[in-house]
Amino acid sequence: MKAGETVKRDRSDLLHGTLDLLVLRLVHDEPMNGYALGRRIESVTNDALQVDEGSLYPALYRMERKGLLASSWGTSENNRRAKFYRITRAGRRRLSLERAKWSSFASAVEKILESS
């Protein structure tokens, strides 16, 4: 196995379970289409996190079914028809809850890493 393949697998493992949190956070600021969401995640993390379409779009559909996101059709930056997702009131509540959980988790991991 090549080193790059290991890194890629590790990145997807890291993303698993956090995709909803990342999406909710990004659409909190502005509605985005799926393609733009994937590129934004890559951009903000300097490519440390990459989301493939096979994970992103099912997550978007699932979050919409749960009422965390709402969508409408619009025109993308490259003048194509695209579905734009925006956060709902329920999505804002979930984002707040998940951010608190993530902070608690990250703090606990940090304590372990800093222990002697």
PDB file of N, CA and C in Angstrom:
ATOM      1  N   MET A   1       0.838  -1.176   0.000  1.00  0.00           N
ATOM      2  CA  MET A   1       0.000   0.000   0.000  1.00  0.00           C
ATOM      3  C   MET A   1       0.887   1.245   0.000  1.00  0.00           C
ATOM      4  N   LYS A   2       0.541   2.216  -0.793  1.00  0.00           N
ATOM      5  CA  LYS A   2       1.302   3.457  -0.891  1.00  0.00           C
ATOM      6  C   LYS A   2       0.958   4.380   0.269  1.00  0.00           C
ATOM      7  N   ALA A   3       1.887   5.236   0.633  1.00  0.00           N
ATOM      8  CA  ALA A   3       1.673   6.167   1.746  1.00  0.00           C
ATOM      9  C   ALA A   3       0.464   7.054   1.499  1.00  0.00           C
ATOM     10  N   GLY A   4       0.277   7.549   0.307  1.00  0.00           N
ATOM     11  CA  GLY A   4      -0.859   8.411  -0.022  1.00  0.00           C
ATOM     12  C   GLY A   4      -2.191   7.723   0.187  1.00  0.00           C
ATOM     13  N   GLU A   5      -2.243   6.422  -0.091  1.00  0.00           N
ATOM     14  CA  GLU A   5      -3.479   5.668   0.103  1.00  0.00           C
ATOM     15  C   GLU A   5      -3.824   5.561   1.583  1.00  0.00           C
ATOM     16  N   THR A   6      -2.824   5.371   2.418  1.00  0.00           N
ATOM     17  CA  THR A   6      -3.055   5.308   3.854  1.00  0.00           C
ATOM     18  C   THR A   6      -3.600   6.639   4.366  1.00  0.00           C
ATOM     19  N   VAL A   7      -2.983   7.721   3.923  1.00  0.00           N
ATOM     20  CA  VAL A   7      -3.426   9.043   4.354  1.00  0.00           C
ATOM     21  C   VAL A   7      -4.862   9.280   3.929  1.00  0.00           C
ATOM     22  N   LYS A   8      -5.193   8.922   2.696  1.00  0.00           N
ATOM     23  CA  LYS A   8      -6.552   9.133   2.221  1.00  0.00           C
ATOM     24  C   LYS A   8      -7.545   8.329   3.064  1.00  0.00           C
ATOM     25  N   ARG A   9      -7.215   7.083   3.372  1.00  0.00           N
ATOM     26  CA  ARG A   9      -8.114   6.276   4.183  1.00  0.00           C
ATOM     27  C   ARG A   9      -8.269   6.894   5.566  1.00  0.00           C
ATOM     28  N   ASP A  10      -7.175   7.370   6.140  1.00  0.00           N
ATOM     29  CA  ASP A  10      -7.234   8.001   7.448  1.00  0.00           C
ATOM     30  C   ASP A  10      -8.121   9.238   7.420  1.00  0.00           C
ATOM     31  N   ARG A  11      -8.033  10.026   6.353  1.00  0.00           N
ATOM     32  CA  ARG A  11      -8.851  11.232   6.247  1.00  0.00           C
ATOM     33  C   ARG A  11     -10.328  10.880   6.235  1.00  0.00           C
ATOM     34  N   SER A  12     -10.728   9.847   5.498  1.00  0.00           N
ATOM     35  CA  SER A  12     -12.137   9.499   5.443  1.00  0.00           C
ATOM     36  C   SER A  12     -12.599   8.942   6.790  1.00  0.00           C
ATOM     37  N   ASP A  13     -11.706   8.217   7.495  1.00  0.00           N
ATOM     38  CA  ASP A  13     -12.061   7.728   8.819  1.00  0.00           C
ATOM     39  C   ASP A  13     -12.301   8.894   9.773  1.00  0.00           C
ATOM     40  N   LEU A  14     -11.486   9.905   9.688  1.00  0.00           N
ATOM     41  CA  LEU A  14     -11.649  11.079  10.534  1.00  0.00           C
ATOM     42  C   LEU A  14     -12.974  11.762  10.252  1.00  0.00           C
ATOM     43  N   LEU A  15     -13.354  11.825   8.990  1.00  0.00           N
ATOM     44  CA  LEU A  15     -14.565  12.516   8.599  1.00  0.00           C
ATOM     45  C   LEU A  15     -15.818  11.757   9.016  1.00  0.00           C
ATOM     46  N   HIS A  16     -15.728  10.435   9.032  1.00  0.00           N
ATOM     47  CA  HIS A  16     -16.891   9.636   9.389  1.00  0.00           C
ATOM     48  C   HIS A  16     -17.445  10.064  10.752  1.00  0.00           C
ATOM     49  N   GLY A  17     -18.734  10.346  10.801  1.00  0.00           N
ATOM     50  CA  GLY A  17     -19.354  10.749  12.054  1.00  0.00           C
ATOM     51  C   GLY A  17     -19.325  12.246  12.301  1.00  0.00           C
ATOM     52  N   THR A  18     -18.570  12.984  11.512  1.00  0.00           N
ATOM     53  CA  THR A  18     -18.509  14.435  11.699  1.00  0.00           C
ATOM     54  C   THR A  18     -19.070  15.197  10.500  1.00  0.00           C
ATOM     55  N   LEU A  19     -19.438  14.497   9.464  1.00  0.00           N
ATOM     56  CA  LEU A  19     -19.899  15.152   8.249  1.00  0.00           C
ATOM     57  C   LEU A  19     -21.123  16.031   8.503  1.00  0.00           C
ATOM     58  N   ASP A  20     -22.079  15.541   9.266  1.00  0.00           N
ATOM     59  CA  ASP A  20     -23.271  16.344   9.560  1.00  0.00           C
ATOM     60  C   ASP A  20     -22.886  17.658  10.245  1.00  0.00           C
ATOM     61  N   LEU A  21     -22.011  17.571  11.214  1.00  0.00           N
ATOM     62  CA  LEU A  21     -21.559  18.763  11.930  1.00  0.00           C
ATOM     63  C   LEU A  21     -20.910  19.760  10.972  1.00  0.00           C
ATOM     64  N   LEU A  22     -20.050  19.277  10.098  1.00  0.00           N
ATOM     65  CA  LEU A  22     -19.365  20.155   9.150  1.00  0.00           C
ATOM     66  C   LEU A  22     -20.350  20.818   8.192  1.00  0.00           C
ATOM     67  N   VAL A  23     -21.277  20.038   7.674  1.00  0.00           N
ATOM     68  CA  VAL A  23     -22.277  20.581   6.740  1.00  0.00           C
ATOM     69  C   VAL A  23     -23.144  21.616   7.430  1.00  0.00           C
ATOM     70  N   LEU A  24     -23.649  21.290   8.613  1.00  0.00           N
ATOM     71  CA  LEU A  24     -24.507  22.247   9.330  1.00  0.00           C
ATOM     72  C   LEU A  24     -23.762  23.541   9.611  1.00  0.00           C
ATOM     73  N   ARG A  25     -22.500  23.423   9.982  1.00  0.00           N
ATOM     74  CA  ARG A  25     -21.723  24.634  10.260  1.00  0.00           C
ATOM     75  C   ARG A  25     -21.549  25.487   9.012  1.00  0.00           C
ATOM     76  N   LEU A  26     -21.259  24.867   7.891  1.00  0.00           N
ATOM     77  CA  LEU A  26     -21.032  25.623   6.667  1.00  0.00           C
ATOM     78  C   LEU A  26     -22.305  26.268   6.117  1.00  0.00           C
ATOM     79  N   VAL A  27     -23.417  25.561   6.158  1.00  0.00           N
ATOM     80  CA  VAL A  27     -24.654  26.153   5.624  1.00  0.00           C
ATOM     81  C   VAL A  27     -25.294  27.110   6.631  1.00  0.00           C
ATOM     82  N   HIS A  28     -24.773  27.143   7.848  1.00  0.00           N
ATOM     83  CA  HIS A  28     -25.256  28.109   8.834  1.00  0.00           C
ATOM     84  C   HIS A  28     -25.010  29.529   8.336  1.00  0.00           C
ATOM     85  N   ASP A  29     -23.881  29.746   7.668  1.00  0.00           N
ATOM     86  CA  ASP A  29     -23.515  31.069   7.186  1.00  0.00           C
ATOM     87  C   ASP A  29     -24.219  31.451   5.891  1.00  0.00           C
ATOM     88  N   GLU A  30     -24.383  30.486   4.999  1.00  0.00           N
ATOM     89  CA  GLU A  30     -25.013  30.765   3.709  1.00  0.00           C
ATOM     90  C   GLU A  30     -25.436  29.458   3.054  1.00  0.00           C
ATOM     91  N   PRO A  31     -26.518  29.496   2.274  1.00  0.00           N
ATOM     92  CA  PRO A  31     -26.917  28.289   1.533  1.00  0.00           C
ATOM     93  C   PRO A  31     -25.814  27.882   0.562  1.00  0.00           C
ATOM     94  N   MET A  32     -25.634  26.583   0.399  1.00  0.00           N
ATOM     95  CA  MET A  32     -24.594  26.070  -0.498  1.00  0.00           C
ATOM     96  C   MET A  32     -25.115  24.835  -1.211  1.00  0.00           C
ATOM     97  N   ASN A  33     -24.594  24.602  -2.407  1.00  0.00           N
ATOM     98  CA  ASN A  33     -24.915  23.365  -3.106  1.00  0.00           C
ATOM     99  C   ASN A  33     -23.900  22.297  -2.705  1.00  0.00           C
ATOM    100  N   GLY A  34     -24.194  21.056  -3.040  1.00  0.00           N
ATOM    101  CA  GLY A  34     -23.346  19.950  -2.626  1.00  0.00           C
ATOM    102  C   GLY A  34     -21.920  20.076  -3.111  1.00  0.00           C
ATOM    103  N   TYR A  35     -21.744  20.433  -4.358  1.00  0.00           N
ATOM    104  CA  TYR A  35     -20.392  20.568  -4.896  1.00  0.00           C
ATOM    105  C   TYR A  35     -19.609  21.630  -4.126  1.00  0.00           C
ATOM    106  N   ALA A  36     -20.236  22.776  -3.891  1.00  0.00           N
ATOM    107  CA  ALA A  36     -19.573  23.861  -3.170  1.00  0.00           C
ATOM    108  C   ALA A  36     -19.241  23.450  -1.734  1.00  0.00           C
ATOM    109  N   LEU A  37     -20.120  22.687  -1.106  1.00  0.00           N
ATOM    110  CA  LEU A  37     -19.857  22.199   0.251  1.00  0.00           C
ATOM    111  C   LEU A  37     -18.595  21.336   0.287  1.00  0.00           C
ATOM    112  N   GLY A  38     -18.504  20.409  -0.632  1.00  0.00           N
ATOM    113  CA  GLY A  38     -17.326  19.540  -0.679  1.00  0.00           C
ATOM    114  C   GLY A  38     -16.046  20.328  -0.884  1.00  0.00           C
ATOM    115  N   ARG A  39     -16.082  21.273  -1.812  1.00  0.00           N
ATOM    116  CA  ARG A  39     -14.896  22.090  -2.080  1.00  0.00           C
ATOM    117  C   ARG A  39     -14.568  22.983  -0.889  1.00  0.00           C
ATOM    118  N   ARG A  40     -15.581  23.490  -0.202  1.00  0.00           N
ATOM    119  CA  ARG A  40     -15.345  24.365   0.953  1.00  0.00           C
ATOM    120  C   ARG A  40     -14.679  23.592   2.087  1.00  0.00           C
ATOM    121  N   ILE A  41     -15.129  22.376   2.334  1.00  0.00           N
ATOM    122  CA  ILE A  41     -14.518  21.539   3.372  1.00  0.00           C
ATOM    123  C   ILE A  41     -13.042  21.320   3.043  1.00  0.00           C
ATOM    124  N   GLU A  42     -12.753  21.016   1.797  1.00  0.00           N
ATOM    125  CA  GLU A  42     -11.366  20.808   1.389  1.00  0.00           C
ATOM    126  C   GLU A  42     -10.555  22.090   1.542  1.00  0.00           C
ATOM    127  N   SER A  43     -11.129  23.191   1.127  1.00  0.00           N
ATOM    128  CA  SER A  43     -10.428  24.477   1.163  1.00  0.00           C
ATOM    129  C   SER A  43     -10.113  24.917   2.587  1.00  0.00           C
ATOM    130  N   VAL A  44     -11.097  24.881   3.455  1.00  0.00           N
ATOM    131  CA  VAL A  44     -10.914  25.337   4.836  1.00  0.00           C
ATOM    132  C   VAL A  44      -9.903  24.474   5.574  1.00  0.00           C
ATOM    133  N   THR A  45      -9.865  23.193   5.251  1.00  0.00           N
ATOM    134  CA  THR A  45      -8.960  22.275   5.959  1.00  0.00           C
ATOM    135  C   THR A  45      -7.645  22.053   5.209  1.00  0.00           C
ATOM    136  N   ASN A  46      -7.375  22.870   4.194  1.00  0.00           N
ATOM    137  CA  ASN A  46      -6.164  22.693   3.373  1.00  0.00           C
ATOM    138  C   ASN A  46      -6.036  21.255   2.883  1.00  0.00           C
ATOM    139  N   ASP A  47      -7.136  20.697   2.429  1.00  0.00           N
ATOM    140  CA  ASP A  47      -7.219  19.334   1.879  1.00  0.00           C
ATOM    141  C   ASP A  47      -6.980  18.223   2.898  1.00  0.00           C
ATOM    142  N   ALA A  48      -6.963  18.552   4.184  1.00  0.00           N
ATOM    143  CA  ALA A  48      -6.820  17.507   5.202  1.00  0.00           C
ATOM    144  C   ALA A  48      -8.077  16.644   5.247  1.00  0.00           C
ATOM    145  N   LEU A  49      -9.227  17.248   4.956  1.00  0.00           N
ATOM    146  CA  LEU A  49     -10.483  16.509   4.888  1.00  0.00           C
ATOM    147  C   LEU A  49     -11.008  16.593   3.470  1.00  0.00           C
ATOM    148  N   GLN A  50     -11.356  15.451   2.928  1.00  0.00           N
ATOM    149  CA  GLN A  50     -11.937  15.387   1.591  1.00  0.00           C
ATOM    150  C   GLN A  50     -13.197  14.550   1.657  1.00  0.00           C
ATOM    151  N   VAL A  51     -14.225  15.034   1.006  1.00  0.00           N
ATOM    152  CA  VAL A  51     -15.517  14.349   1.039  1.00  0.00           C
ATOM    153  C   VAL A  51     -15.848  13.881  -0.365  1.00  0.00           C
ATOM    154  N   ASP A  52     -16.065  12.589  -0.521  1.00  0.00           N
ATOM    155  CA  ASP A  52     -16.457  12.106  -1.843  1.00  0.00           C
ATOM    156  C   ASP A  52     -17.974  12.218  -1.984  1.00  0.00           C
ATOM    157  N   GLU A  53     -18.423  12.318  -3.216  1.00  0.00           N
ATOM    158  CA  GLU A  53     -19.846  12.496  -3.490  1.00  0.00           C
ATOM    159  C   GLU A  53     -20.684  11.352  -2.941  1.00  0.00           C
ATOM    160  N   GLY A  54     -20.117  10.160  -2.901  1.00  0.00           N
ATOM    161  CA  GLY A  54     -20.833   8.996  -2.389  1.00  0.00           C
ATOM    162  C   GLY A  54     -21.143   9.088  -0.910  1.00  0.00           C
ATOM    163  N   SER A  55     -20.475   9.959  -0.194  1.00  0.00           N
ATOM    164  CA  SER A  55     -20.767  10.203   1.222  1.00  0.00           C
ATOM    165  C   SER A  55     -21.573  11.475   1.405  1.00  0.00           C
ATOM    166  N   LEU A  56     -21.218  12.517   0.660  1.00  0.00           N
ATOM    167  CA  LEU A  56     -21.830  13.828   0.857  1.00  0.00           C
ATOM    168  C   LEU A  56     -23.310  13.862   0.475  1.00  0.00           C
ATOM    169  N   TYR A  57     -23.643  13.416  -0.722  1.00  0.00           N
ATOM    170  CA  TYR A  57     -25.026  13.553  -1.172  1.00  0.00           C
ATOM    171  C   TYR A  57     -26.007  12.706  -0.358  1.00  0.00           C
ATOM    172  N   PRO A  58     -25.676  11.462  -0.018  1.00  0.00           N
ATOM    173  CA  PRO A  58     -26.588  10.733   0.870  1.00  0.00           C
ATOM    174  C   PRO A  58     -26.765  11.433   2.227  1.00  0.00           C
ATOM    175  N   ALA A  59     -25.690  12.044   2.735  1.00  0.00           N
ATOM    176  CA  ALA A  59     -25.789  12.772   4.008  1.00  0.00           C
ATOM    177  C   ALA A  59     -26.716  13.974   3.858  1.00  0.00           C
ATOM    178  N   LEU A  60     -26.593  14.700   2.755  1.00  0.00           N
ATOM    179  CA  LEU A  60     -27.470  15.861   2.519  1.00  0.00           C
ATOM    180  C   LEU A  60     -28.931  15.425   2.439  1.00  0.00           C
ATOM    181  N   TYR A  61     -29.204  14.354   1.695  1.00  0.00           N
ATOM    182  CA  TYR A  61     -30.587  13.872   1.567  1.00  0.00           C
ATOM    183  C   TYR A  61     -31.135  13.416   2.918  1.00  0.00           C
ATOM    184  N   ARG A  62     -30.299  12.715   3.678  1.00  0.00           N
ATOM    185  CA  ARG A  62     -30.729  12.229   4.992  1.00  0.00           C
ATOM    186  C   ARG A  62     -31.019  13.401   5.930  1.00  0.00           C
ATOM    187  N   MET A  63     -30.152  14.407   5.923  1.00  0.00           N
ATOM    188  CA  MET A  63     -30.339  15.570   6.796  1.00  0.00           C
ATOM    189  C   MET A  63     -31.583  16.362   6.384  1.00  0.00           C
ATOM    190  N   GLU A  64     -31.865  16.377   5.095  1.00  0.00           N
ATOM    191  CA  GLU A  64     -33.082  17.047   4.633  1.00  0.00           C
ATOM    192  C   GLU A  64     -34.321  16.277   5.095  1.00  0.00           C
ATOM    193  N   ARG A  65     -34.279  14.961   4.986  1.00  0.00           N
ATOM    194  CA  ARG A  65     -35.410  14.144   5.451  1.00  0.00           C
ATOM    195  C   ARG A  65     -35.656  14.327   6.949  1.00  0.00           C
ATOM    196  N   LYS A  66     -34.585  14.517   7.721  1.00  0.00           N
ATOM    197  CA  LYS A  66     -34.704  14.708   9.171  1.00  0.00           C
ATOM    198  C   LYS A  66     -35.128  16.130   9.540  1.00  0.00           C
ATOM    199  N   GLY A  67     -35.204  17.018   8.556  1.00  0.00           N
ATOM    200  CA  GLY A  67     -35.614  18.392   8.827  1.00  0.00           C
ATOM    201  C   GLY A  67     -34.494  19.305   9.299  1.00  0.00           C
ATOM    202  N   LEU A  68     -33.249  18.856   9.180  1.00  0.00           N
ATOM    203  CA  LEU A  68     -32.113  19.677   9.594  1.00  0.00           C
ATOM    204  C   LEU A  68     -31.708  20.665   8.505  1.00  0.00           C
ATOM    205  N   LEU A  69     -32.017  20.305   7.258  1.00  0.00           N
ATOM    206  CA  LEU A  69     -31.737  21.150   6.105  1.00  0.00           C
ATOM    207  C   LEU A  69     -33.004  21.298   5.274  1.00  0.00           C
ATOM    208  N   ALA A  70     -33.097  22.403   4.583  1.00  0.00           N
ATOM    209  CA  ALA A  70     -34.139  22.606   3.569  1.00  0.00           C
ATOM    210  C   ALA A  70     -33.402  22.929   2.282  1.00  0.00           C
ATOM    211  N   SER A  71     -34.049  22.719   1.144  1.00  0.00           N
ATOM    212  CA  SER A  71     -33.357  22.966  -0.112  1.00  0.00           C
ATOM    213  C   SER A  71     -34.253  23.688  -1.104  1.00  0.00           C
ATOM    214  N   SER A  72     -33.595  24.307  -2.061  1.00  0.00           N
ATOM    215  CA  SER A  72     -34.294  24.932  -3.178  1.00  0.00           C
ATOM    216  C   SER A  72     -33.342  24.931  -4.369  1.00  0.00           C
ATOM    217  N   TRP A  73     -33.919  24.972  -5.556  1.00  0.00           N
ATOM    218  CA  TRP A  73     -33.112  24.960  -6.768  1.00  0.00           C
ATOM    219  C   TRP A  73     -32.667  26.364  -7.104  1.00  0.00           C
ATOM    220  N   GLY A  74     -31.442  26.476  -7.584  1.00  0.00           N
ATOM    221  CA  GLY A  74     -30.893  27.758  -7.990  1.00  0.00           C
ATOM    222  C   GLY A  74     -29.806  27.551  -9.025  1.00  0.00           C
ATOM    223  N   THR A  75     -29.045  28.587  -9.268  1.00  0.00           N
ATOM    224  CA  THR A  75     -27.969  28.541 -10.249  1.00  0.00           C
ATOM    225  C   THR A  75     -26.631  28.622  -9.533  1.00  0.00           C
ATOM    226  N   SER A  76     -25.752  27.701  -9.861  1.00  0.00           N
ATOM    227  CA  SER A  76     -24.433  27.642  -9.218  1.00  0.00           C
ATOM    228  C   SER A  76     -23.522  28.719  -9.784  1.00  0.00           C
ATOM    229  N   GLU A  77     -22.328  28.816  -9.186  1.00  0.00           N
ATOM    230  CA  GLU A  77     -21.328  29.787  -9.626  1.00  0.00           C
ATOM    231  C   GLU A  77     -20.942  29.615 -11.091  1.00  0.00           C
ATOM    232  N   ASN A  78     -20.976  28.361 -11.571  1.00  0.00           N
ATOM    233  CA  ASN A  78     -20.630  28.122 -12.973  1.00  0.00           C
ATOM    234  C   ASN A  78     -21.869  28.019 -13.856  1.00  0.00           C
ATOM    235  N   ASN A  79     -22.935  28.692 -13.413  1.00  0.00           N
ATOM    236  CA  ASN A  79     -24.161  28.858 -14.199  1.00  0.00           C
ATOM    237  C   ASN A  79     -24.893  27.551 -14.500  1.00  0.00           C
ATOM    238  N   ARG A  80     -24.862  26.623 -13.567  1.00  0.00           N
ATOM    239  CA  ARG A  80     -25.570  25.352 -13.708  1.00  0.00           C
ATOM    240  C   ARG A  80     -26.690  25.284 -12.676  1.00  0.00           C
ATOM    241  N   ARG A  81     -27.709  24.538 -13.005  1.00  0.00           N
ATOM    242  CA  ARG A  81     -28.810  24.316 -12.070  1.00  0.00           C
ATOM    243  C   ARG A  81     -28.298  23.433 -10.933  1.00  0.00           C
ATOM    244  N   ALA A  82     -28.552  23.865  -9.701  1.00  0.00           N
ATOM    245  CA  ALA A  82     -28.059  23.121  -8.550  1.00  0.00           C
ATOM    246  C   ALA A  82     -29.025  23.255  -7.387  1.00  0.00           C
ATOM    247  N   LYS A  83     -29.014  22.263  -6.527  1.00  0.00           N
ATOM    248  CA  LYS A  83     -29.845  22.272  -5.326  1.00  0.00           C
ATOM    249  C   LYS A  83     -29.034  22.901  -4.202  1.00  0.00           C
ATOM    250  N   PHE A  84     -29.571  23.968  -3.619  1.00  0.00           N
ATOM    251  CA  PHE A  84     -28.901  24.679  -2.535  1.00  0.00           C
ATOM    252  C   PHE A  84     -29.540  24.298  -1.211  1.00  0.00           C
ATOM    253  N   TYR A  85     -28.700  24.026  -0.237  1.00  0.00           N
ATOM    254  CA  TYR A  85     -29.153  23.611   1.083  1.00  0.00           C
ATOM    255  C   TYR A  85     -28.958  24.747   2.078  1.00  0.00           C
ATOM    256  N   ARG A  86     -29.932  24.907   2.953  1.00  0.00           N
ATOM    257  CA  ARG A  86     -29.844  25.907   4.023  1.00  0.00           C
ATOM    258  C   ARG A  86     -30.256  25.237   5.325  1.00  0.00           C
ATOM    259  N   ILE A  87     -29.769  25.766   6.415  1.00  0.00           N
ATOM    260  CA  ILE A  87     -30.051  25.188   7.724  1.00  0.00           C
ATOM    261  C   ILE A  87     -31.448  25.596   8.177  1.00  0.00           C
ATOM    262  N   THR A  88     -32.114  24.708   8.867  1.00  0.00           N
ATOM    263  CA  THR A  88     -33.436  24.980   9.426  1.00  0.00           C
ATOM    264  C   THR A  88     -33.294  25.288  10.917  1.00  0.00           C
ATOM    265  N   ARG A  89     -34.382  25.639  11.541  1.00  0.00           N
ATOM    266  CA  ARG A  89     -34.365  25.875  12.988  1.00  0.00           C
ATOM    267  C   ARG A  89     -33.907  24.610  13.730  1.00  0.00           C
ATOM    268  N   ALA A  90     -34.436  23.465  13.300  1.00  0.00           N
ATOM    269  CA  ALA A  90     -34.020  22.191  13.916  1.00  0.00           C
ATOM    270  C   ALA A  90     -32.533  21.944  13.657  1.00  0.00           C
ATOM    271  N   GLY A  91     -32.051  22.326  12.480  1.00  0.00           N
ATOM    272  CA  GLY A  91     -30.641  22.181  12.162  1.00  0.00           C
ATOM    273  C   GLY A  91     -29.768  23.059  13.041  1.00  0.00           C
ATOM    274  N   ARG A  92     -30.242  24.268  13.349  1.00  0.00           N
ATOM    275  CA  ARG A  92     -29.482  25.160  14.242  1.00  0.00           C
ATOM    276  C   ARG A  92     -29.385  24.569  15.638  1.00  0.00           C
ATOM    277  N   ARG A  93     -30.487  24.000  16.114  1.00  0.00           N
ATOM    278  CA  ARG A  93     -30.460  23.356  17.429  1.00  0.00           C
ATOM    279  C   ARG A  93     -29.489  22.176  17.426  1.00  0.00           C
ATOM    280  N   ARG A  94     -29.538  21.363  16.372  1.00  0.00           N
ATOM    281  CA  ARG A  94     -28.635  20.205  16.271  1.00  0.00           C
ATOM    282  C   ARG A  94     -27.187  20.673  16.185  1.00  0.00           C
ATOM    283  N   LEU A  95     -26.926  21.724  15.438  1.00  0.00           N
ATOM    284  CA  LEU A  95     -25.572  22.256  15.319  1.00  0.00           C
ATOM    285  C   LEU A  95     -25.046  22.676  16.689  1.00  0.00           C
ATOM    286  N   SER A  96     -25.857  23.359  17.450  1.00  0.00           N
ATOM    287  CA  SER A  96     -25.447  23.793  18.780  1.00  0.00           C
ATOM    288  C   SER A  96     -25.120  22.593  19.666  1.00  0.00           C
ATOM    289  N   LEU A  97     -25.968  21.595  19.637  1.00  0.00           N
ATOM    290  CA  LEU A  97     -25.763  20.377  20.433  1.00  0.00           C
ATOM    291  C   LEU A  97     -24.500  19.642  19.991  1.00  0.00           C
ATOM    292  N   GLU A  98     -24.331  19.468  18.686  1.00  0.00           N
ATOM    293  CA  GLU A  98     -23.176  18.725  18.172  1.00  0.00           C
ATOM    294  C   GLU A  98     -21.867  19.473  18.403  1.00  0.00           C
ATOM    295  N   ARG A  99     -21.901  20.805  18.332  1.00  0.00           N
ATOM    296  CA  ARG A  99     -20.686  21.583  18.625  1.00  0.00           C
ATOM    297  C   ARG A  99     -20.268  21.388  20.079  1.00  0.00           C
ATOM    298  N   ALA A 100     -21.237  21.394  20.977  1.00  0.00           N
ATOM    299  CA  ALA A 100     -20.926  21.189  22.396  1.00  0.00           C
ATOM    300  C   ALA A 100     -20.349  19.795  22.618  1.00  0.00           C
ATOM    301  N   LYS A 101     -20.935  18.784  21.986  1.00  0.00           N
ATOM    302  CA  LYS A 101     -20.423  17.414  22.108  1.00  0.00           C
ATOM    303  C   LYS A 101     -19.003  17.320  21.558  1.00  0.00           C
ATOM    304  N   TRP A 102     -18.790  17.938  20.392  1.00  0.00           N
ATOM    305  CA  TRP A 102     -17.466  17.886  19.768  1.00  0.00           C
ATOM    306  C   TRP A 102     -16.424  18.563  20.656  1.00  0.00           C
ATOM    307  N   SER A 103     -16.768  19.715  21.208  1.00  0.00           N
ATOM    308  CA  SER A 103     -15.829  20.431  22.084  1.00  0.00           C
ATOM    309  C   SER A 103     -15.475  19.597  23.295  1.00  0.00           C
ATOM    310  N   SER A 104     -16.461  18.946  23.882  1.00  0.00           N
ATOM    311  CA  SER A 104     -16.228  18.091  25.036  1.00  0.00           C
ATOM    312  C   SER A 104     -15.323  16.913  24.660  1.00  0.00           C
ATOM    313  N   PHE A 105     -15.601  16.309  23.528  1.00  0.00           N
ATOM    314  CA  PHE A 105     -14.803  15.187  23.048  1.00  0.00           C
ATOM    315  C   PHE A 105     -13.364  15.623  22.787  1.00  0.00           C
ATOM    316  N   ALA A 106     -13.186  16.737  22.066  1.00  0.00           N
ATOM    317  CA  ALA A 106     -11.853  17.234  21.735  1.00  0.00           C
ATOM    318  C   ALA A 106     -11.074  17.572  23.003  1.00  0.00           C
ATOM    319  N   SER A 107     -11.749  18.135  23.987  1.00  0.00           N
ATOM    320  CA  SER A 107     -11.108  18.469  25.252  1.00  0.00           C
ATOM    321  C   SER A 107     -10.642  17.201  25.973  1.00  0.00           C
ATOM    322  N   ALA A 108     -11.472  16.177  25.956  1.00  0.00           N
ATOM    323  CA  ALA A 108     -11.105  14.919  26.605  1.00  0.00           C
ATOM    324  C   ALA A 108      -9.902  14.277  25.919  1.00  0.00           C
ATOM    325  N   VAL A 109      -9.881  14.289  24.592  1.00  0.00           N
ATOM    326  CA  VAL A 109      -8.750  13.720  23.846  1.00  0.00           C
ATOM    327  C   VAL A 109      -7.491  14.534  24.145  1.00  0.00           C
ATOM    328  N   GLU A 110      -7.620  15.838  24.183  1.00  0.00           N
ATOM    329  CA  GLU A 110      -6.470  16.705  24.476  1.00  0.00           C
ATOM    330  C   GLU A 110      -5.880  16.387  25.850  1.00  0.00           C
ATOM    331  N   LYS A 111      -6.727  16.127  26.823  1.00  0.00           N
ATOM    332  CA  LYS A 111      -6.244  15.781  28.165  1.00  0.00           C
ATOM    333  C   LYS A 111      -5.408  14.499  28.131  1.00  0.00           C
ATOM    334  N   ILE A 112      -5.853  13.539  27.355  1.00  0.00           N
ATOM    335  CA  ILE A 112      -5.108  12.288  27.228  1.00  0.00           C
ATOM    336  C   ILE A 112      -3.768  12.535  26.533  1.00  0.00           C
ATOM    337  N   LEU A 113      -3.794  13.315  25.467  1.00  0.00           N
ATOM    338  CA  LEU A 113      -2.571  13.590  24.720  1.00  0.00           C
ATOM    339  C   LEU A 113      -1.557  14.364  25.536  1.00  0.00           C
ATOM    340  N   GLU A 114      -2.026  15.220  26.421  1.00  0.00           N
ATOM    341  CA  GLU A 114      -1.135  16.049  27.229  1.00  0.00           C
ATOM    342  C   GLU A 114      -0.712  15.374  28.538  1.00  0.00           C
ATOM    343  N   SER A 115      -1.323  14.225  28.864  1.00  0.00           N
ATOM    344  CA  SER A 115      -0.973  13.561  30.125  1.00  0.00           C
ATOM    345  C   SER A 115       0.387  12.897  30.006  1.00  0.00           C
ATOM    346  N   SER A 116       0.989  12.659  31.162  1.00  0.00           N
ATOM    347  CA  SER A 116       2.332  12.060  31.136  1.00  0.00           C
ATOM    348  C   SER A 116       2.273  10.601  31.488  1.00  0.00           C
TER     349      SER A 116
END
